[in-house]
N, C-alpha and C. Protein backbone atom coordinates (compact mmCIF):
# COMPACT_ATOMS: atom_id res chain seq x y z
N MET A 1 -1.23 9.59 23.54
CA MET A 1 -2.76 9.46 23.40
C MET A 1 -3.01 9.65 21.89
N LYS A 2 -2.50 10.61 21.17
CA LYS A 2 -2.84 10.76 19.72
C LYS A 2 -2.20 9.39 18.75
N VAL A 3 -1.33 8.99 19.41
CA VAL A 3 -0.62 7.83 18.56
C VAL A 3 -1.77 6.63 18.84
N LEU A 4 -2.35 6.40 19.84
CA LEU A 4 -3.16 5.40 20.27
C LEU A 4 -4.56 5.48 19.18
N ILE A 5 -4.91 6.78 19.39
CA ILE A 5 -6.13 6.92 18.35
C ILE A 5 -5.81 6.79 17.27
N ALA A 6 -4.63 7.26 16.58
CA ALA A 6 -4.40 7.01 15.13
C ALA A 6 -4.24 5.54 14.65
N LEU A 7 -3.64 4.84 15.59
CA LEU A 7 -3.67 3.45 15.40
C LEU A 7 -4.83 2.87 15.52
N ALA A 8 -5.81 3.13 16.18
CA ALA A 8 -7.21 2.59 16.37
C ALA A 8 -7.92 2.80 14.92
N LEU A 9 -7.70 3.98 14.56
CA LEU A 9 -8.47 4.44 13.36
C LEU A 9 -7.78 3.76 12.03
N GLY A 10 -6.49 3.68 12.20
CA GLY A 10 -5.83 2.90 11.09
C GLY A 10 -6.41 1.28 10.96
N LEU A 11 -6.40 0.81 12.26
CA LEU A 11 -6.91 -0.60 12.31
C LEU A 11 -8.47 -0.70 11.65
N VAL A 12 -9.26 0.31 12.04
CA VAL A 12 -10.70 0.26 11.65
C VAL A 12 -10.75 0.45 10.14
N VAL A 13 -9.79 1.28 9.47
CA VAL A 13 -9.74 1.42 8.01
C VAL A 13 -9.04 0.00 7.42
N ILE A 14 -8.34 -0.65 8.12
CA ILE A 14 -7.88 -1.76 7.73
C ILE A 14 -8.85 -3.01 7.46
N LEU A 15 -9.84 -3.03 8.84
CA LEU A 15 -10.71 -3.96 8.76
C LEU A 15 -11.86 -3.61 7.94
N ILE A 16 -12.21 -2.31 7.54
CA ILE A 16 -13.16 -2.04 6.53
C ILE A 16 -12.88 -2.29 5.12
N ALA A 17 -11.34 -2.16 5.04
CA ALA A 17 -11.02 -2.34 3.67
C ALA A 17 -10.89 -3.89 3.37
N ALA A 18 -10.62 -4.77 4.49
CA ALA A 18 -10.54 -6.23 4.10
C ALA A 18 -12.04 -6.74 4.02
N GLN A 19 -12.99 -6.07 4.10
CA GLN A 19 -14.41 -6.65 3.69
C GLN A 19 -14.53 -6.95 2.37
N ASN A 20 -14.00 -6.07 1.56
CA ASN A 20 -14.03 -6.29 0.04
C ASN A 20 -12.82 -5.83 -0.61
N TRP A 21 -11.83 -6.77 -0.80
CA TRP A 21 -10.67 -6.19 -1.36
C TRP A 21 -10.90 -5.32 -2.78
N ARG A 22 -11.85 -5.83 -3.63
CA ARG A 22 -11.82 -5.17 -4.90
C ARG A 22 -12.35 -3.87 -4.65
N ARG A 23 -13.26 -3.77 -3.74
CA ARG A 23 -13.72 -2.38 -3.69
C ARG A 23 -12.72 -1.37 -2.97
N ALA A 24 -11.90 -2.07 -2.20
CA ALA A 24 -10.83 -1.28 -1.41
C ALA A 24 -9.72 -0.80 -2.54
N VAL A 25 -9.36 -1.70 -3.60
CA VAL A 25 -8.40 -1.28 -4.68
C VAL A 25 -9.28 -0.12 -5.35
N LYS A 26 -10.29 -0.26 -5.68
CA LYS A 26 -11.02 0.91 -6.48
C LYS A 26 -10.97 2.10 -5.47
N SER A 27 -11.24 2.00 -4.13
CA SER A 27 -11.05 3.17 -3.37
C SER A 27 -9.78 3.91 -3.23
N VAL A 28 -8.77 2.97 -3.37
CA VAL A 28 -7.27 3.49 -3.51
C VAL A 28 -7.04 4.55 -4.64
N PHE A 29 -7.79 4.08 -5.72
CA PHE A 29 -7.56 4.90 -6.94
C PHE A 29 -8.23 6.28 -6.62
N LEU A 30 -9.42 6.10 -6.24
CA LEU A 30 -10.26 7.36 -5.94
C LEU A 30 -9.25 8.24 -4.94
N ILE A 31 -8.83 7.55 -3.85
CA ILE A 31 -7.83 8.45 -2.90
C ILE A 31 -6.79 8.81 -3.24
N VAL A 32 -6.20 8.44 -4.45
CA VAL A 32 -4.97 8.97 -4.98
C VAL A 32 -5.39 10.20 -5.86
N VAL A 33 -6.54 10.13 -6.44
CA VAL A 33 -6.87 11.23 -7.56
C VAL A 33 -7.25 12.27 -6.48
N ILE A 34 -7.87 12.34 -5.32
CA ILE A 34 -8.35 13.43 -4.74
C ILE A 34 -7.56 13.83 -3.43
N GLU A 35 -6.39 12.96 -3.35
CA GLU A 35 -5.40 13.18 -2.15
C GLU A 35 -4.90 14.52 -2.29
N GLY A 36 -4.41 15.00 -3.27
CA GLY A 36 -3.94 16.37 -3.14
C GLY A 36 -4.91 17.51 -2.66
N ALA A 37 -6.09 17.43 -3.16
CA ALA A 37 -7.07 18.29 -2.71
C ALA A 37 -7.35 18.27 -1.35
N LEU A 38 -7.55 16.99 -0.69
CA LEU A 38 -7.88 16.72 0.69
C LEU A 38 -6.76 17.16 1.44
N ARG A 39 -5.57 17.11 1.04
CA ARG A 39 -4.25 17.44 1.89
C ARG A 39 -4.18 18.85 1.81
N LYS A 40 -4.28 19.61 0.66
CA LYS A 40 -4.25 21.05 0.62
C LYS A 40 -5.28 22.09 1.00
N TRP A 41 -6.63 21.66 0.59
CA TRP A 41 -7.69 22.38 0.95
C TRP A 41 -8.71 22.16 2.11
N LEU A 42 -8.82 20.82 2.05
CA LEU A 42 -9.85 20.36 3.03
C LEU A 42 -9.36 20.10 4.56
N PHE A 43 -8.29 19.41 4.69
CA PHE A 43 -7.73 19.05 5.87
C PHE A 43 -6.18 19.17 5.97
N PRO A 44 -5.77 20.47 5.91
CA PRO A 44 -4.33 20.66 5.87
C PRO A 44 -3.60 20.32 7.28
N GLN A 45 -4.39 20.17 8.12
CA GLN A 45 -3.70 19.88 9.45
C GLN A 45 -3.46 18.38 9.60
N ALA A 46 -4.04 17.44 8.68
CA ALA A 46 -3.98 16.02 8.84
C ALA A 46 -3.37 15.65 7.45
N SER A 47 -2.62 16.35 7.05
CA SER A 47 -1.77 15.95 5.86
C SER A 47 -1.25 14.70 5.84
N ASP A 48 -0.44 14.26 6.80
CA ASP A 48 0.13 12.94 6.95
C ASP A 48 -0.86 11.73 7.18
N ILE A 49 -1.76 11.92 7.83
CA ILE A 49 -2.73 10.87 7.88
C ILE A 49 -3.43 10.67 6.57
N ILE A 50 -3.84 11.66 6.00
CA ILE A 50 -4.40 11.43 4.42
C ILE A 50 -3.24 10.94 3.65
N TYR A 51 -2.24 11.02 3.84
CA TYR A 51 -1.22 10.71 3.05
C TYR A 51 -1.06 9.26 3.07
N PHE A 52 -1.03 8.59 4.33
CA PHE A 52 -0.76 7.33 4.66
C PHE A 52 -2.43 6.30 4.56
N LEU A 53 -3.27 7.00 4.18
CA LEU A 53 -4.68 6.57 4.25
C LEU A 53 -4.82 5.32 3.25
N LYS A 54 -4.24 5.67 2.08
CA LYS A 54 -4.39 4.76 1.04
C LYS A 54 -3.49 3.57 1.27
N ASP A 55 -2.49 3.79 1.97
CA ASP A 55 -1.48 2.63 2.51
C ASP A 55 -2.37 1.73 3.48
N PHE A 56 -3.12 2.26 4.35
CA PHE A 56 -3.83 1.40 5.35
C PHE A 56 -5.06 0.65 4.60
N VAL A 57 -5.65 1.21 3.52
CA VAL A 57 -6.50 0.74 2.64
C VAL A 57 -6.09 -0.52 1.83
N MET A 58 -4.79 -0.30 1.42
CA MET A 58 -4.32 -1.34 0.51
C MET A 58 -3.83 -2.59 1.57
N MET A 59 -3.30 -2.15 2.89
CA MET A 59 -3.14 -3.49 3.73
C MET A 59 -4.32 -4.30 3.94
N GLY A 60 -5.40 -3.70 3.97
CA GLY A 60 -6.69 -4.57 4.27
C GLY A 60 -6.99 -5.17 3.06
N ALA A 61 -6.76 -4.65 1.88
CA ALA A 61 -7.08 -5.34 0.74
C ALA A 61 -5.94 -6.58 0.56
N TYR A 62 -4.83 -6.38 0.81
CA TYR A 62 -4.00 -7.39 0.94
C TYR A 62 -4.09 -8.50 1.78
N LEU A 63 -4.62 -8.06 3.02
CA LEU A 63 -4.85 -9.13 3.86
C LEU A 63 -6.08 -9.96 3.31
N ARG A 64 -7.13 -9.42 3.06
CA ARG A 64 -8.13 -10.10 2.39
C ARG A 64 -7.83 -11.10 1.20
N PHE A 65 -7.21 -10.52 0.53
CA PHE A 65 -6.76 -11.42 -0.90
C PHE A 65 -5.99 -12.32 -0.56
N PHE A 66 -4.76 -12.33 -0.03
CA PHE A 66 -3.76 -13.29 0.09
C PHE A 66 -3.88 -14.19 1.27
N LEU A 67 -4.53 -13.58 2.34
CA LEU A 67 -4.63 -14.34 3.73
C LEU A 67 -5.89 -15.06 3.82
N PHE A 68 -7.15 -14.29 3.59
CA PHE A 68 -8.53 -14.75 3.83
C PHE A 68 -9.18 -15.25 2.65
N SER A 69 -8.74 -15.16 1.45
CA SER A 69 -9.57 -15.54 0.36
C SER A 69 -9.30 -17.07 0.14
N PRO A 70 -10.44 -17.77 -0.56
CA PRO A 70 -10.16 -19.07 -0.80
C PRO A 70 -8.96 -19.37 -1.66
N LYS A 71 -8.27 -20.55 -1.43
CA LYS A 71 -7.07 -21.03 -2.04
C LYS A 71 -7.23 -21.10 -3.41
N GLU A 72 -8.44 -21.79 -3.87
CA GLU A 72 -8.60 -22.15 -5.26
C GLU A 72 -8.55 -20.87 -6.35
N ARG A 73 -9.06 -19.54 -5.73
CA ARG A 73 -9.22 -18.66 -6.68
C ARG A 73 -7.84 -17.74 -6.74
N LYS A 74 -7.00 -18.16 -5.90
CA LYS A 74 -5.72 -17.30 -6.17
C LYS A 74 -4.83 -17.49 -7.44
N PRO A 75 -4.44 -16.56 -8.03
CA PRO A 75 -3.81 -16.77 -9.30
C PRO A 75 -2.29 -17.41 -9.08
N ALA A 76 -1.98 -18.43 -9.86
CA ALA A 76 -0.60 -19.17 -9.80
C ALA A 76 0.46 -18.40 -10.49
N LEU A 77 1.45 -18.35 -9.90
CA LEU A 77 2.54 -17.44 -10.42
C LEU A 77 3.21 -18.44 -11.55
N THR A 78 3.37 -17.72 -12.81
CA THR A 78 3.87 -18.41 -14.05
C THR A 78 5.01 -17.91 -14.35
N LEU A 79 5.83 -18.84 -14.77
CA LEU A 79 7.23 -18.34 -15.21
C LEU A 79 7.12 -17.46 -16.76
N SER A 80 6.77 -16.24 -16.79
CA SER A 80 6.73 -15.64 -17.85
C SER A 80 7.75 -14.42 -17.90
N VAL A 81 7.82 -13.76 -19.13
CA VAL A 81 8.94 -12.89 -19.23
C VAL A 81 8.84 -11.81 -18.42
N VAL A 82 7.44 -11.20 -18.17
CA VAL A 82 7.24 -10.15 -17.39
C VAL A 82 7.49 -10.55 -15.76
N ASN A 83 7.22 -11.68 -15.38
CA ASN A 83 7.56 -11.96 -14.03
C ASN A 83 9.00 -12.00 -13.79
N ILE A 84 9.74 -12.47 -14.78
CA ILE A 84 11.40 -12.52 -14.64
C ILE A 84 11.90 -11.36 -14.57
N LEU A 85 11.44 -10.31 -15.47
CA LEU A 85 11.92 -9.03 -15.44
C LEU A 85 11.70 -8.38 -14.14
N ILE A 86 10.48 -8.60 -13.53
CA ILE A 86 10.02 -7.85 -12.28
C ILE A 86 11.04 -8.43 -11.04
N VAL A 87 11.14 -9.88 -10.98
CA VAL A 87 12.02 -10.32 -9.97
C VAL A 87 13.60 -9.82 -10.30
N MET A 88 13.99 -9.72 -11.39
CA MET A 88 15.25 -9.26 -11.80
C MET A 88 15.51 -7.68 -11.34
N SER A 89 14.44 -7.01 -11.54
CA SER A 89 14.54 -5.45 -11.20
C SER A 89 14.38 -5.55 -9.79
N ALA A 90 13.77 -6.40 -9.00
CA ALA A 90 13.55 -6.27 -7.55
C ALA A 90 15.06 -6.72 -7.12
N ILE A 91 15.47 -7.65 -7.26
CA ILE A 91 16.98 -8.06 -7.03
C ILE A 91 18.01 -6.99 -7.33
N TRP A 92 17.79 -6.20 -8.38
CA TRP A 92 18.74 -5.10 -8.51
C TRP A 92 18.53 -4.04 -7.77
N CYS A 93 17.32 -3.57 -7.44
CA CYS A 93 16.88 -2.54 -6.63
C CYS A 93 17.33 -3.12 -5.19
N PHE A 94 17.27 -4.26 -4.75
CA PHE A 94 17.72 -4.72 -3.26
C PHE A 94 19.20 -4.57 -3.39
N TYR A 95 19.98 -4.95 -4.40
CA TYR A 95 21.56 -4.70 -4.34
C TYR A 95 21.96 -3.42 -4.26
N GLN A 96 21.36 -2.58 -4.93
CA GLN A 96 21.51 -1.18 -5.07
C GLN A 96 21.34 -0.40 -3.79
N MET A 97 20.64 -0.73 -3.09
CA MET A 97 20.38 -0.25 -1.78
C MET A 97 21.51 -0.29 -0.98
N PHE A 98 22.46 -1.11 -1.06
CA PHE A 98 23.70 -1.22 -0.26
C PHE A 98 24.93 -0.65 -1.02
N ASN A 99 24.68 -0.19 -2.07
CA ASN A 99 25.74 0.88 -3.05
C ASN A 99 26.16 2.08 -2.15
N PRO A 100 27.23 2.01 -1.71
CA PRO A 100 27.86 3.14 -1.05
C PRO A 100 28.11 4.34 -1.91
N GLY A 101 27.93 4.29 -3.01
CA GLY A 101 28.37 5.37 -4.07
C GLY A 101 27.02 6.19 -4.40
N LEU A 102 25.84 5.77 -3.80
CA LEU A 102 24.92 6.59 -4.03
C LEU A 102 24.75 7.92 -3.46
N GLY A 103 25.29 8.23 -2.54
CA GLY A 103 25.44 9.33 -1.67
C GLY A 103 24.56 9.56 -0.44
N SER A 104 23.40 8.65 -0.52
CA SER A 104 22.53 8.96 0.54
C SER A 104 22.14 7.62 1.07
N VAL A 105 22.22 7.29 2.58
CA VAL A 105 21.85 6.03 2.89
C VAL A 105 20.33 5.85 2.64
N LEU A 106 19.58 6.88 2.93
CA LEU A 106 18.04 6.54 2.51
C LEU A 106 17.70 6.27 1.21
N ALA A 107 18.39 6.72 0.32
CA ALA A 107 18.11 6.41 -1.12
C ALA A 107 18.31 4.86 -1.19
């Protein structure tokens, strides 16, 4: 029962965040700043929920920006040095996920 309530609240947060993606991204920065105080002093029993709140807000912002925004406003991916470095580091991180010498499967 608690899982269904948490899922419903998560969907509500995603829908609210999807209304305005710019405001959602700004609110994530605010949540990141006050997250420690909320988890430690205000709501210690809801530590996990507060920890993942920013993720749900960002999911709504991503949905709004990438799926439901007009096509002409989306930035085009350009072949720049920064984008090439990001792609190369992502490929390297993906490759290192399967490195048996890391010592931990989760790492």
